[in-house]
Each structure stands twice: as structure tokens, then as C-alpha cells.
Amino acid sequence: MLDAATCEAALATSPHVTDHKAACADLVTALARRRLSEDHAFATFDDVQDYVDLACVIVIVACAALAAGLTMGVTSLESSELRVIVRTGTATEKSQASKLLPLVERRPHHQVLVTLLLCNSLANEALPIFVDKLAPTWAAVLFSVVFVLVFGEILPSAIFTGPSQLRMAALCAPLVKCVLAVFSPITYPISLLLDHYLPEEDDCEEPDEIVARVEVERELAQLRGRPAPFTADESNLVRGVMALRRTTVADVYVPLKRVATVSASAPLTLETLQALRDAGHSRIPLRWSQTPGDWRDFILVKELVGCQPDQTITLSGTGRALRTPHWVSLDQSLPEVLDLFQQGQSHVAFVSMNPQRSASCRVHDRETLAVGIVTLEDVVEELITEEIYDEDDRRIAKRVVGNFILRKWFGRSAVLQRATLSGRRASLERGSVSPPSRRGSVRGRLRASSAHEASVASTVGRALRRLGSQSSTAGERTRLVVDEGADVV
């Protein structure tokens, strides 16, 4: 330990010191105040310098905490999330997001990150300088590990990334801008290099990611016991919308063999009108020749309601009942088809290999022949990811299943007999067919057929219920098709 005699002997040879005793006294006092001995390891705060050192420690820890918290709170914000908040948040949230957008979208992109990390590093490096004046080495190390780690790293990061992240980051946004301006001569070149070698990734979400986000939100709501933000139908609707642009006409169109058509030269008779009604379709393509797919237009069935039958008029001459369809290709996307339907010209589109030529030519070749149709209902079903059943679907389903059961159990003749008797009954009801002279025999046959059909009806009903329960259990979607590939007239 340095004493007064040793100090005076050391300063005796120095020409710059005039009062050796006073200089030695000051030196000994300063060394004692720094508590270099083991008996006085911690500061006693009997001098102003101790309080200054303590204040510096507090300020440095606060700066390190702010830098660590802002590093997590500001750099973790996404530009897309802030823009969503600006559009959908409250007035306070919109104001906070508007303050943070310039920082998040700042160029160079890495400048905010580099600046905050630089501030945090400076604070952590400066802290031991002042801690060593207040405590011995072992206490300084323990203080840096425990106190600084908890209050300068963990706690600020938890606060700035918690529920108040947006509010805390917005409050510190002016401070961050000032620090950016101060350290820009150092951080700007480094940020340019980082942006060049580590470019920013695009934060736009893909359609699959949007669908997954909706499903994840519903799963999290179920796990946490809170109401789901989306219903199952809304989730399916989002899935259908996101997948619509990747779905083409080839995925949904009805092929040629499953389309019911009517001959353009068919006369406008009562039988023709009855056949159009029984087909169960609102729009039926006109067949101009025996060549499959030789279509030009279609008949709008509702326009024939109230028309008087006329043997001299064909369906191609009905005028207002004829409609010109759209022509689309197999690789055309459904949003494009939906845009065509929105024009109001038609809700039916014919599918061909060359839709431009098909729409303009009157004589079709192999390239311009129709290969199927696609309707607005097909597009909407893909959009909502569910089948749409109209009023005729249940009646058609019963007829199809009934004919199937009759053919399996009673043979094909039973189906033909049922169709013949049903046709005679309908003709008698509308008075278009004169009853034969042997009225009793006809009534007997009708009575017998009614009893036969009644016995089959219960079997058909049970089969329908069994099929319905199986389809609902399996969750499969089946499309009801009547008289596939059959021509109406």
C-alpha cells in the first residue's frame, strides 16, 4: 500500500511538482476513496462521485433495456400487419400504426436493426466502467449477469413484444428516429451492405397461407375455449375463393355425354314442351345435326311457358327463347368465366378447343365442336365448395333410384311398363289422348300399376334414406344427373 514517505520520495525527482507533501496527501486520499482494499469493497456513497457513478449505471441500464426492447418490438412488426391495422383498427391503433410505418418500411431496411443493436452494444460495454467503481469485480460480474440480464434484456423484450407492443413502439418512435439520425454515418453503410447481400423477403401471403391462417384461427379459438372468428361455411368460402383462380374449366365442366340436348328441328308440339319440362333444366342446348357437339345456341325453357303448341314451328324458330352462349376453352380459369357470366349475356358457356372460332363460325369442324358446357352454378359450387341442389334434384333422384331398383329386382320390362303407364296417366289428365273404348280395362291396369308402384315406393324411400345416411356419414358430395347423355327430343 502506498504511504506518504514513499510518495514524497517518488515525487522528489519530479520538476513539475512544487509541494510534494500536498500532492502525496491528495493521491492517498483518492486511492482510499476508490476502495481498493479488501476491507472497503463496496462504495459507501460518502462522496458525490459515487452518486454520479450510480446515476450513470441506471441510465446505461435503461438505455440497454430500451435498445433491447425496441429491437424486438420494432423489427418484429410487419408492414402488411400495420397496413391492416391502419384500415381496420381503432382511431388510436390507426395513429400508432401510422407512426411506425415509416420506421418499418425505411430504406435501407436493416438500418433500424443495426442502429438499435449498436446502441445496445455501447450500453453493455460502458456499464462495467461505472460498476467497477461501486463494487468489486465479483460483484460487478454478478450484477451484470443477473440484474442487467433480467432488467436490461428479458423484461424489456417481454414488454415490447406483449399486448402493448404497438403502443410502446409508437411511443418510442420519435426517440428511434433521433438515434437513427445520430448514428447514421456508421449504420447507413453497414445497412446498405446487408440489404445487398441479405435482401428483404416479400411478406405477401400466398393463397394457401391465407386459407391456413383462417383454419389456424378456428383451431386456436377451439383450444382456448372462445367463439371462433370464422364459421365452417366462411372457412370453406375462403378456401373456395383462394382456389378459384387455380381452377380451370376442365375441372368443373359437364362433358358432352352427360348433357341433355334437343334437336333444333323438333316441332313445337305438346310432347316437345312436356319433354323440355320433364328434363328438369332451365337451359338446353340445341342440336343442329347428328354430329355430337354441333351446338350454336340453347333454348331458355322458361320463355316457352304459355306458348301455344304449333306443329309448323320448330324450336330453332322460337325467337325469344333462343339464347347465344359464351364459348370458353378447357384451360380457361374460373374467374375469367365468372367475368363473362357477369356481363349478363348468358349464364351458360359452351366448351370447345377453339372458343374464338366456335363463336363466329356457323359450320363446326373438329376444332370448333362443343365438348361440354359450364354454367354459373358450376362456378358458384366451386366458390362455396358445396353442391347446390334445386327443386328438381329430389324428384330426379327418386326417379333414378326407383328405376335402378326396378331394373335390379324386376327386370328392364318393369321400368318400361312404369314409364308407359305414367305417360298414359299424364295424357289422360291433360286430355291430349283419347281414352280407349274399354275404359274398365284401362282403369284396372292403372289401378294395378298404382298398387305395384306403391309397393315399390316404400322400398325406394328406404333406399333413399339409406343412401342419404351413408352420404352424410361419409361426407361425400355427389352430383345428381338425370338421363346422362340422353337427348330430350
Protein backbone atom coordinates (compact mmCIF):
# COMPACT_ATOMS: atom_id res chain seq x y z
CA MET A 1 0.00 0.00 0.00
CA LEU A 2 1.27 3.46 -0.89
CA ASP A 3 2.26 5.63 2.13
CA ALA A 4 3.27 9.32 2.45
CA ALA A 5 7.05 8.70 2.68
CA THR A 6 7.16 6.57 -0.44
CA CYS A 7 5.07 9.10 -2.32
CA GLU A 8 7.32 12.04 -1.31
CA ALA A 9 10.41 10.09 -2.34
CA ALA A 10 8.88 9.35 -5.73
CA LEU A 11 7.86 12.96 -6.33
CA ALA A 12 11.11 14.47 -5.13
CA THR A 13 12.76 13.98 -8.52
CA SER A 14 9.84 15.49 -10.48
CA PRO A 15 10.42 19.10 -11.60
CA HIS A 16 6.68 19.67 -12.15
CA VAL A 17 5.61 19.21 -8.53
CA THR A 18 6.42 22.05 -6.11
CA ASP A 19 4.53 20.95 -2.98
CA HIS A 20 5.38 17.30 -2.54
CA LYS A 21 3.51 16.82 0.75
CA ALA A 22 0.20 18.23 -0.57
CA ALA A 23 0.37 16.16 -3.75
CA CYS A 24 1.01 12.97 -1.84
CA ALA A 25 -1.88 13.69 0.53
CA ASP A 26 -4.28 14.15 -2.37
CA LEU A 27 -3.08 10.94 -4.04
CA VAL A 28 -3.50 8.86 -0.91
CA THR A 29 -6.98 10.28 -0.33
CA ALA A 30 -8.07 9.49 -3.89
CA LEU A 31 -6.84 5.94 -3.65
CA ALA A 32 -8.64 5.42 -0.38
CA ARG A 33 -11.85 6.81 -1.83
CA ARG A 34 -11.77 4.25 -4.64
CA ARG A 35 -11.89 1.44 -2.10
CA LEU A 36 -9.07 -0.60 -3.49
CA SER A 37 -8.54 -2.51 -0.31
CA GLU A 38 -10.44 -5.64 0.62
CA ASP A 39 -11.77 -4.07 3.82
CA HIS A 40 -13.78 -1.47 1.84
CA ALA A 41 -15.01 -3.40 -1.27
CA PHE A 42 -18.30 -1.51 -1.89
CA ALA A 43 -18.83 2.21 -2.24
CA THR A 44 -20.01 3.98 0.91
CA PHE A 45 -21.55 6.91 -1.01
CA ASP A 46 -19.76 9.45 1.18
CA ASP A 47 -18.68 11.29 -1.94
CA VAL A 48 -20.62 12.92 -4.80
CA GLN A 49 -18.70 10.84 -7.33
CA ASP A 50 -20.32 7.67 -6.03
CA TYR A 51 -23.78 9.08 -6.74
CA VAL A 52 -22.68 10.16 -10.20
CA ASP A 53 -21.43 6.66 -10.94
CA LEU A 54 -24.70 5.16 -9.68
CA ALA A 55 -26.72 7.53 -11.87
CA CYS A 56 -24.61 6.56 -14.88
CA VAL A 57 -25.25 2.87 -14.17
CA ILE A 58 -29.01 3.46 -14.00
CA VAL A 59 -29.03 5.48 -17.24
CA ILE A 60 -26.92 2.90 -19.07
CA VAL A 61 -29.16 0.03 -17.93
CA ALA A 62 -32.23 1.99 -19.07
CA CYS A 63 -30.64 2.66 -22.47
CA ALA A 64 -29.73 -1.02 -22.84
CA ALA A 65 -33.27 -2.00 -21.89
CA LEU A 66 -34.80 0.41 -24.42
CA ALA A 67 -32.44 -0.75 -27.16
CA ALA A 68 -33.14 -4.44 -26.44
CA GLY A 69 -36.91 -3.92 -26.20
CA LEU A 70 -37.12 -1.80 -29.36
CA THR A 71 -35.00 -4.30 -31.25
CA MET A 72 -37.66 -6.92 -30.60
CA GLY A 73 -40.67 -4.62 -30.68
CA VAL A 74 -39.99 -2.63 -33.85
CA THR A 75 -38.14 -5.07 -36.06
CA SER A 76 -40.71 -7.82 -35.45
CA LEU A 77 -43.52 -5.70 -36.92
CA GLU A 78 -44.57 -6.49 -40.49
CA SER A 79 -45.55 -3.84 -42.98
CA SER A 80 -48.63 -5.81 -44.03
CA GLU A 81 -49.86 -6.09 -40.44
CA LEU A 82 -49.50 -2.34 -39.88
CA ARG A 83 -51.37 -1.58 -43.10
CA VAL A 84 -54.19 -3.86 -41.99
CA ILE A 85 -54.35 -2.03 -38.66
CA VAL A 86 -54.47 1.34 -40.46
CA ARG A 87 -57.56 0.12 -42.34
CA THR A 88 -59.38 -1.85 -39.65
CA GLY A 89 -58.11 -0.70 -36.24
CA THR A 90 -59.48 1.87 -33.84
CA ALA A 91 -58.56 5.53 -34.10
CA THR A 92 -55.75 5.10 -31.55
CA GLU A 93 -54.38 1.99 -33.28
CA LYS A 94 -54.50 3.70 -36.65
CA SER A 95 -52.48 6.62 -35.26
CA GLN A 96 -49.92 4.28 -33.70
CA ALA A 97 -49.56 2.20 -36.86
CA SER A 98 -49.12 5.35 -38.95
CA LYS A 99 -46.20 6.42 -36.75
CA LEU A 100 -44.49 3.05 -37.07
CA LEU A 101 -44.96 2.51 -40.80
CA PRO A 102 -42.08 4.86 -41.82
CA LEU A 103 -39.72 3.00 -39.49
CA VAL A 104 -40.75 -0.46 -40.66
CA GLU A 105 -40.61 0.48 -44.35
CA ARG A 106 -37.43 2.54 -44.02
CA ARG A 107 -34.72 2.05 -46.59
CA PRO A 108 -32.12 0.66 -46.09
CA HIS A 109 -34.23 -1.98 -44.43
CA HIS A 110 -31.55 -3.07 -41.95
CA GLN A 111 -30.73 0.43 -40.66
CA VAL A 112 -33.17 0.31 -37.74
CA LEU A 113 -31.88 -3.11 -36.66
CA VAL A 114 -28.20 -2.10 -36.93
CA THR A 115 -28.77 1.16 -35.03
CA LEU A 116 -30.60 -0.46 -32.13
CA LEU A 117 -28.04 -3.25 -31.86
CA LEU A 118 -25.24 -0.66 -31.86
CA CYS A 119 -26.90 1.26 -29.02
CA ASN A 120 -27.37 -1.93 -27.04
CA SER A 121 -23.73 -2.91 -27.53
CA LEU A 122 -22.44 0.54 -26.47
CA ALA A 123 -24.54 0.44 -23.32
CA ASN A 124 -23.39 -3.06 -22.39
CA GLU A 125 -19.73 -2.14 -22.95
CA ALA A 126 -19.94 1.10 -20.95
CA LEU A 127 -21.70 -0.42 -17.98
CA PRO A 128 -18.64 -2.21 -16.42
CA ILE A 129 -16.69 1.06 -16.33
CA PHE A 130 -19.03 2.54 -13.75
CA VAL A 131 -19.96 -0.70 -11.96
CA ASP A 132 -16.29 -1.35 -11.12
CA LYS A 133 -16.18 1.96 -9.19
CA LEU A 134 -19.10 0.90 -7.00
CA ALA A 135 -18.39 -2.79 -6.37
CA PRO A 136 -15.55 -5.32 -6.55
CA THR A 137 -15.05 -7.48 -9.62
CA TRP A 138 -17.03 -10.48 -8.43
CA ALA A 139 -20.00 -8.27 -7.52
CA ALA A 140 -19.78 -6.43 -10.86
CA VAL A 141 -19.90 -9.72 -12.77
CA LEU A 142 -22.85 -10.95 -10.72
CA PHE A 143 -24.64 -7.62 -11.21
CA SER A 144 -24.12 -7.72 -15.00
CA VAL A 145 -25.31 -11.30 -15.32
CA VAL A 146 -28.38 -11.14 -13.09
CA PHE A 147 -29.55 -7.55 -12.91
CA VAL A 148 -28.67 -6.49 -16.45
CA LEU A 149 -29.91 -9.75 -17.99
CA VAL A 150 -33.27 -9.53 -16.25
CA PHE A 151 -33.92 -5.79 -16.34
CA GLY A 152 -31.94 -4.95 -19.44
CA GLU A 153 -32.76 -7.85 -21.75
CA ILE A 154 -35.52 -10.27 -20.71
CA LEU A 155 -38.06 -7.91 -19.16
CA PRO A 156 -37.88 -5.20 -21.89
CA SER A 157 -38.15 -7.80 -24.65
CA ALA A 158 -41.22 -9.32 -22.97
CA ILE A 159 -42.86 -5.91 -22.55
CA PHE A 160 -42.18 -4.69 -26.08
CA THR A 161 -43.46 -7.92 -27.67
CA GLY A 162 -46.51 -8.29 -25.41
CA PRO A 163 -50.05 -6.97 -25.77
CA SER A 164 -48.80 -3.37 -25.60
CA GLN A 165 -46.26 -3.82 -28.39
CA LEU A 166 -47.92 -1.37 -30.77
CA ARG A 167 -48.41 1.31 -28.11
CA MET A 168 -44.89 1.02 -26.65
CA ALA A 169 -43.23 1.04 -30.07
CA ALA A 170 -45.27 4.06 -31.16
CA LEU A 171 -44.31 5.99 -28.00
CA CYS A 172 -40.61 5.37 -28.68
CA ALA A 173 -40.82 6.06 -32.42
CA PRO A 174 -39.54 9.71 -32.13
CA LEU A 175 -36.61 8.54 -29.99
CA VAL A 176 -35.72 5.87 -32.55
CA LYS A 177 -35.74 8.48 -35.33
CA CYS A 178 -33.32 10.68 -33.34
CA VAL A 179 -30.96 7.77 -32.70
CA LEU A 180 -31.10 6.86 -36.39
CA ALA A 181 -30.03 10.38 -37.33
CA VAL A 182 -27.18 10.39 -34.78
CA PHE A 183 -25.66 7.06 -35.76
CA SER A 184 -26.45 7.22 -39.49
CA PRO A 185 -22.79 7.86 -40.53
CA ILE A 186 -21.92 4.46 -39.05
CA THR A 187 -25.07 2.42 -39.60
CA TYR A 188 -26.02 3.59 -43.09
CA PRO A 189 -23.08 1.95 -44.96
CA ILE A 190 -23.43 -1.24 -42.95
CA SER A 191 -27.15 -1.38 -43.72
CA LEU A 192 -26.53 -0.94 -47.44
CA LEU A 193 -24.17 -3.91 -47.42
CA LEU A 194 -26.68 -6.03 -45.50
CA ASP A 195 -29.50 -5.10 -47.89
CA HIS A 196 -27.32 -6.05 -50.84
CA TYR A 197 -26.26 -9.47 -49.56
CA LEU A 198 -29.36 -10.20 -47.44
CA PRO A 199 -32.32 -8.70 -49.33
CA GLU A 200 -35.70 -8.34 -47.69
CA GLU A 201 -38.16 -11.14 -48.28
CA ASP A 202 -41.62 -10.40 -49.64
CA ASP A 203 -44.13 -10.57 -46.79
CA CYS A 204 -47.19 -11.02 -49.04
CA GLU A 205 -49.11 -14.17 -48.17
CA GLU A 206 -49.90 -16.89 -50.67
CA PRO A 207 -53.49 -18.12 -51.08
CA ASP A 208 -52.66 -21.33 -49.24
CA GLU A 209 -51.25 -19.30 -46.35
CA ILE A 210 -54.45 -17.26 -46.12
CA VAL A 211 -56.55 -20.43 -46.01
CA ALA A 212 -54.22 -21.91 -43.40
CA ARG A 213 -54.46 -18.74 -41.31
CA VAL A 214 -58.26 -18.99 -41.25
CA GLU A 215 -58.11 -22.64 -40.23
CA VAL A 216 -55.48 -21.94 -37.56
CA GLU A 217 -57.64 -19.16 -36.09
CA ARG A 218 -60.56 -21.56 -35.79
CA GLU A 219 -58.35 -24.21 -34.18
CA LEU A 220 -56.87 -21.75 -31.69
CA ALA A 221 -60.33 -20.49 -30.77
CA GLN A 222 -61.44 -24.07 -30.10
CA LEU A 223 -58.36 -24.80 -27.98
CA ARG A 224 -58.75 -21.62 -25.94
CA GLY A 225 -62.49 -22.05 -25.46
CA ARG A 226 -63.57 -18.83 -27.15
CA PRO A 227 -66.00 -18.30 -30.04
CA ALA A 228 -64.47 -18.99 -33.44
CA PRO A 229 -63.94 -15.86 -35.56
CA PHE A 230 -64.99 -17.81 -38.66
CA THR A 231 -67.77 -20.32 -39.15
CA ALA A 232 -67.24 -23.52 -41.10
CA ASP A 233 -69.11 -22.08 -44.09
CA GLU A 234 -66.99 -18.92 -44.03
CA SER A 235 -63.84 -21.02 -43.86
CA ASN A 236 -64.98 -23.10 -46.82
CA LEU A 237 -65.85 -19.93 -48.70
CA VAL A 238 -62.36 -18.52 -48.17
CA ARG A 239 -60.88 -21.82 -49.34
CA GLY A 240 -63.04 -21.75 -52.45
CA VAL A 241 -62.18 -18.14 -53.28
CA MET A 242 -58.45 -18.73 -52.87
CA ALA A 243 -58.56 -21.87 -55.03
CA LEU A 244 -60.82 -20.39 -57.72
CA ARG A 245 -58.08 -18.79 -59.81
CA ARG A 246 -56.19 -22.10 -59.93
CA THR A 247 -59.30 -23.99 -61.05
CA THR A 248 -59.92 -24.27 -64.78
CA VAL A 249 -62.94 -25.13 -66.87
CA ALA A 250 -61.55 -28.65 -67.34
CA ASP A 251 -62.05 -29.25 -63.61
CA VAL A 252 -65.76 -28.40 -63.46
CA TYR A 253 -67.34 -28.62 -66.90
CA VAL A 254 -70.05 -31.15 -67.75
CA PRO A 255 -68.78 -33.38 -70.58
CA LEU A 256 -70.67 -33.89 -73.79
CA LYS A 257 -72.03 -37.34 -72.96
CA ARG A 258 -73.77 -36.02 -69.82
CA VAL A 259 -75.51 -33.06 -71.48
CA ALA A 260 -79.19 -33.34 -72.42
CA THR A 261 -79.82 -31.70 -75.80
CA VAL A 262 -82.80 -31.06 -78.05
CA SER A 263 -82.96 -31.09 -81.83
CA ALA A 264 -83.22 -27.68 -83.44
CA SER A 265 -85.71 -29.08 -85.97
CA ALA A 266 -88.05 -30.51 -83.31
CA PRO A 267 -91.61 -29.15 -83.76
CA LEU A 268 -93.15 -27.04 -81.04
CA THR A 269 -95.72 -29.66 -80.08
CA LEU A 270 -97.23 -30.51 -76.72
CA GLU A 271 -94.99 -33.58 -76.46
CA THR A 272 -91.90 -31.43 -77.06
CA LEU A 273 -92.91 -28.93 -74.39
CA GLN A 274 -93.64 -31.79 -71.99
CA ALA A 275 -90.22 -33.33 -72.70
CA LEU A 276 -88.49 -29.99 -72.08
CA ARG A 277 -90.32 -29.63 -68.79
CA ASP A 278 -89.54 -33.17 -67.66
CA ALA A 279 -85.84 -32.68 -68.45
CA GLY A 280 -85.56 -30.51 -65.34
CA HIS A 281 -83.14 -28.00 -66.90
CA SER A 282 -83.67 -24.28 -67.39
CA ARG A 283 -81.35 -24.13 -70.41
CA ILE A 284 -80.93 -26.87 -73.00
CA PRO A 285 -78.51 -26.74 -75.97
CA LEU A 286 -79.94 -27.04 -79.49
CA ARG A 287 -78.53 -29.87 -81.58
CA TRP A 288 -78.22 -28.85 -85.25
CA SER A 289 -77.06 -32.17 -86.64
CA GLN A 290 -76.31 -35.72 -85.61
CA THR A 291 -72.66 -34.77 -85.00
CA PRO A 292 -72.02 -34.69 -81.25
CA GLY A 293 -71.25 -31.16 -80.10
CA ASP A 294 -72.75 -29.37 -83.12
CA TRP A 295 -74.28 -26.61 -81.00
CA ARG A 296 -74.76 -22.93 -81.73
CA ASP A 297 -77.26 -21.72 -79.17
CA PHE A 298 -79.53 -23.00 -76.44
CA ILE A 299 -83.21 -22.81 -75.56
CA LEU A 300 -84.33 -20.88 -72.47
CA VAL A 301 -87.12 -23.13 -71.25
CA LYS A 302 -88.93 -20.51 -69.19
CA GLU A 303 -89.58 -18.45 -72.34
CA LEU A 304 -91.75 -21.29 -73.65
CA VAL A 305 -94.13 -21.09 -70.69
CA GLY A 306 -97.56 -20.21 -72.03
CA CYS A 307 -96.64 -20.86 -75.68
CA GLN A 308 -99.34 -22.47 -77.79
CA PRO A 309 -98.20 -25.70 -79.46
CA ASP A 310 -97.72 -25.29 -83.19
CA GLN A 311 -96.67 -28.15 -85.45
CA THR A 312 -95.35 -25.73 -88.08
CA ILE A 313 -92.86 -24.03 -85.75
CA THR A 314 -89.57 -25.63 -84.82
CA LEU A 315 -87.52 -24.88 -81.73
CA SER A 316 -84.93 -23.03 -83.84
CA GLY A 317 -87.67 -20.60 -84.87
CA THR A 318 -88.98 -19.76 -81.42
CA GLY A 319 -87.19 -16.41 -81.47
CA ARG A 320 -87.10 -15.00 -77.97
CA ALA A 321 -86.50 -18.42 -76.40
CA LEU A 322 -83.14 -18.77 -78.18
CA ARG A 323 -80.00 -17.50 -76.45
CA THR A 324 -76.41 -17.17 -77.64
CA PRO A 325 -73.95 -18.74 -75.20
CA HIS A 326 -70.42 -17.83 -74.30
CA TRP A 327 -67.62 -20.02 -75.63
CA VAL A 328 -64.70 -20.92 -73.38
CA SER A 329 -61.68 -23.22 -73.55
CA LEU A 330 -60.73 -26.05 -71.23
CA ASP A 331 -57.71 -24.21 -69.83
CA GLN A 332 -59.60 -21.00 -69.06
CA SER A 333 -59.71 -20.08 -65.37
CA LEU A 334 -62.99 -19.84 -63.49
CA PRO A 335 -62.56 -16.13 -62.58
CA GLU A 336 -62.45 -15.37 -66.31
CA VAL A 337 -65.58 -17.44 -66.85
CA LEU A 338 -67.27 -15.65 -63.96
CA ASP A 339 -66.43 -12.30 -65.55
CA LEU A 340 -68.12 -13.49 -68.74
CA PHE A 341 -71.24 -14.51 -66.84
CA GLN A 342 -71.36 -11.11 -65.13
CA GLN A 343 -71.80 -9.43 -68.49
CA GLY A 344 -75.41 -10.64 -68.49
CA GLN A 345 -75.41 -12.22 -71.94
CA SER A 346 -75.76 -15.77 -70.68
CA HIS A 347 -75.20 -17.95 -67.64
CA VAL A 348 -74.20 -20.92 -69.81
CA ALA A 349 -70.92 -21.34 -71.68
CA PHE A 350 -70.11 -23.96 -74.30
CA VAL A 351 -66.65 -25.50 -74.05
CA SER A 352 -64.54 -26.09 -77.16
CA MET A 353 -60.92 -26.36 -78.25
CA ASN A 354 -61.04 -23.03 -80.07
CA PRO A 355 -63.69 -20.77 -78.49
CA GLN A 356 -62.94 -17.79 -80.76
CA ARG A 357 -63.67 -19.76 -83.92
CA SER A 358 -66.60 -21.58 -82.34
CA ALA A 359 -68.33 -18.30 -81.54
CA SER A 360 -68.04 -16.96 -85.09
CA CYS A 361 -68.47 -19.96 -87.40
CA ARG A 362 -71.81 -21.49 -88.39
CA VAL A 363 -70.44 -24.81 -89.62
CA HIS A 364 -68.37 -26.55 -86.98
CA ASP A 365 -65.38 -28.75 -87.54
CA ARG A 366 -63.47 -30.96 -85.11
CA GLU A 367 -61.75 -27.98 -83.51
CA THR A 368 -64.88 -25.90 -83.01
CA LEU A 369 -67.32 -28.58 -81.85
CA ALA A 370 -68.50 -28.31 -78.26
CA VAL A 371 -67.05 -30.81 -75.81
CA GLY A 372 -69.29 -29.85 -72.89
CA ILE A 373 -70.86 -26.99 -71.00
CA VAL A 374 -70.13 -24.98 -67.88
CA THR A 375 -72.76 -22.95 -66.04
CA LEU A 376 -72.83 -20.25 -63.42
CA GLU A 377 -73.99 -22.87 -60.94
CA ASP A 378 -70.80 -24.89 -61.54
CA VAL A 379 -68.68 -21.83 -60.78
CA VAL A 380 -70.67 -20.96 -57.67
CA GLU A 381 -70.38 -24.53 -56.40
CA GLU A 382 -66.60 -24.31 -56.68
CA LEU A 383 -66.72 -20.95 -54.94
CA ILE A 384 -68.67 -22.17 -51.92
CA THR A 385 -67.14 -25.71 -52.07
CA GLU A 386 -70.60 -27.24 -51.78
CA GLU A 387 -73.17 -28.70 -54.15
CA ILE A 388 -76.31 -26.72 -54.97
CA TYR A 389 -79.48 -28.77 -55.30
CA ASP A 390 -82.58 -27.25 -56.86
CA GLU A 391 -86.23 -28.30 -56.65
CA ASP A 392 -85.99 -30.91 -59.41
CA ASP A 393 -82.97 -32.70 -57.98
CA ARG A 394 -85.01 -34.57 -55.34
CA ARG A 395 -87.62 -35.67 -57.86
CA ILE A 396 -84.93 -36.72 -60.32
CA ALA A 397 -83.05 -38.60 -57.63
CA LYS A 398 -86.15 -40.56 -56.69
CA ARG A 399 -86.81 -41.44 -60.32
CA VAL A 400 -83.23 -42.55 -60.94
CA VAL A 401 -83.06 -44.67 -57.78
CA GLY A 402 -86.53 -46.08 -58.42
CA ASN A 403 -85.63 -47.13 -61.97
CA PHE A 404 -82.40 -48.67 -60.69
CA ILE A 405 -84.25 -50.74 -58.08
CA LEU A 406 -86.93 -51.82 -60.57
CA ARG A 407 -84.28 -52.85 -63.07
CA LYS A 408 -82.33 -54.81 -60.44
CA TRP A 409 -85.32 -56.51 -58.79
CA PHE A 410 -87.99 -56.77 -61.52
CA GLY A 411 -86.02 -56.51 -64.78
CA ARG A 412 -85.92 -53.94 -67.53
CA SER A 413 -89.52 -54.63 -68.59
CA ALA A 414 -90.79 -53.25 -65.28
CA VAL A 415 -89.08 -49.93 -65.96
CA LEU A 416 -90.60 -49.73 -69.45
CA GLN A 417 -94.05 -50.67 -68.12
CA ARG A 418 -93.80 -47.99 -65.42
CA ALA A 419 -92.81 -45.34 -67.95
CA THR A 420 -95.65 -46.36 -70.31
CA LEU A 421 -98.31 -46.28 -67.61
CA SER A 422 -97.02 -42.96 -66.26
CA GLY A 423 -97.17 -41.49 -69.75
CA ARG A 424 -100.74 -42.71 -70.29
CA ARG A 425 -101.86 -41.31 -66.97
CA ALA A 426 -100.36 -37.92 -67.79
CA SER A 427 -102.01 -37.97 -71.23
CA LEU A 428 -105.40 -38.76 -69.72
CA GLU A 429 -105.01 -35.97 -67.18
CA ARG A 430 -104.28 -33.30 -69.79
CA GLY A 431 -106.84 -34.71 -72.26
CA SER A 432 -104.43 -34.91 -75.17
CA VAL A 433 -105.04 -38.63 -75.74
CA SER A 434 -108.49 -40.08 -76.20
CA PRO A 435 -109.24 -42.96 -73.84
CA PRO A 436 -109.87 -46.34 -75.45
CA SER A 437 -113.34 -47.84 -75.57
CA ARG A 438 -112.55 -50.47 -72.91
CA ARG A 439 -112.39 -47.99 -70.04
CA GLY A 440 -112.65 -50.64 -67.37
CA SER A 441 -109.55 -52.46 -68.51
CA VAL A 442 -107.52 -49.24 -68.62
CA ARG A 443 -108.66 -48.29 -65.14
CA GLY A 444 -107.85 -51.80 -63.94
CA ARG A 445 -104.37 -51.61 -65.37
CA LEU A 446 -103.86 -48.16 -63.85
CA ARG A 447 -105.15 -49.41 -60.51
CA ALA A 448 -102.83 -52.40 -60.65
CA SER A 449 -99.88 -50.26 -61.65
CA SER A 450 -100.63 -47.85 -58.80
CA ALA A 451 -100.62 -50.71 -56.31
CA HIS A 452 -97.40 -52.01 -57.82
CA GLU A 453 -95.76 -48.58 -57.68
CA ALA A 454 -96.96 -48.09 -54.10
CA SER A 455 -95.22 -51.29 -53.05
CA VAL A 456 -92.05 -50.15 -54.78
CA ALA A 457 -92.33 -46.61 -53.38
CA SER A 458 -91.68 -47.73 -49.82
CA THR A 459 -88.65 -49.71 -50.98
CA VAL A 460 -87.37 -46.68 -52.91
CA GLY A 461 -87.92 -44.48 -49.87
CA ARG A 462 -85.93 -46.79 -47.63
CA ALA A 463 -83.16 -46.95 -50.21
CA LEU A 464 -83.08 -43.16 -50.47
CA ARG A 465 -82.90 -42.77 -46.70
CA ARG A 466 -80.14 -45.37 -46.53
CA LEU A 467 -78.21 -43.66 -49.31
CA GLY A 468 -78.69 -40.27 -47.65
CA SER A 469 -77.40 -41.51 -44.30
CA GLN A 470 -74.39 -43.11 -45.95
CA SER A 471 -73.54 -39.99 -47.92
CA SER A 472 -73.92 -37.77 -44.86
CA THR A 473 -71.73 -40.11 -42.82
CA ALA A 474 -69.01 -40.27 -45.44
CA GLY A 475 -69.24 -36.55 -46.12
CA GLU A 476 -69.02 -37.11 -49.84
CA ARG A 477 -70.56 -34.79 -52.42
CA THR A 478 -72.41 -36.49 -55.27
CA ARG A 479 -73.82 -34.78 -58.31
CA LEU A 480 -77.34 -35.78 -59.33
CA VAL A 481 -77.52 -36.31 -63.07
CA VAL A 482 -80.68 -37.25 -64.91
CA ASP A 483 -80.66 -39.17 -68.18
CA GLU A 484 -76.94 -38.75 -68.75
CA GLY A 485 -76.15 -38.27 -72.39
CA ALA A 486 -79.83 -38.55 -73.35
CA ASP A 487 -81.39 -36.23 -75.88
CA VAL A 488 -84.62 -34.60 -74.81
CA VAL A 489 -86.19 -34.62 -78.28
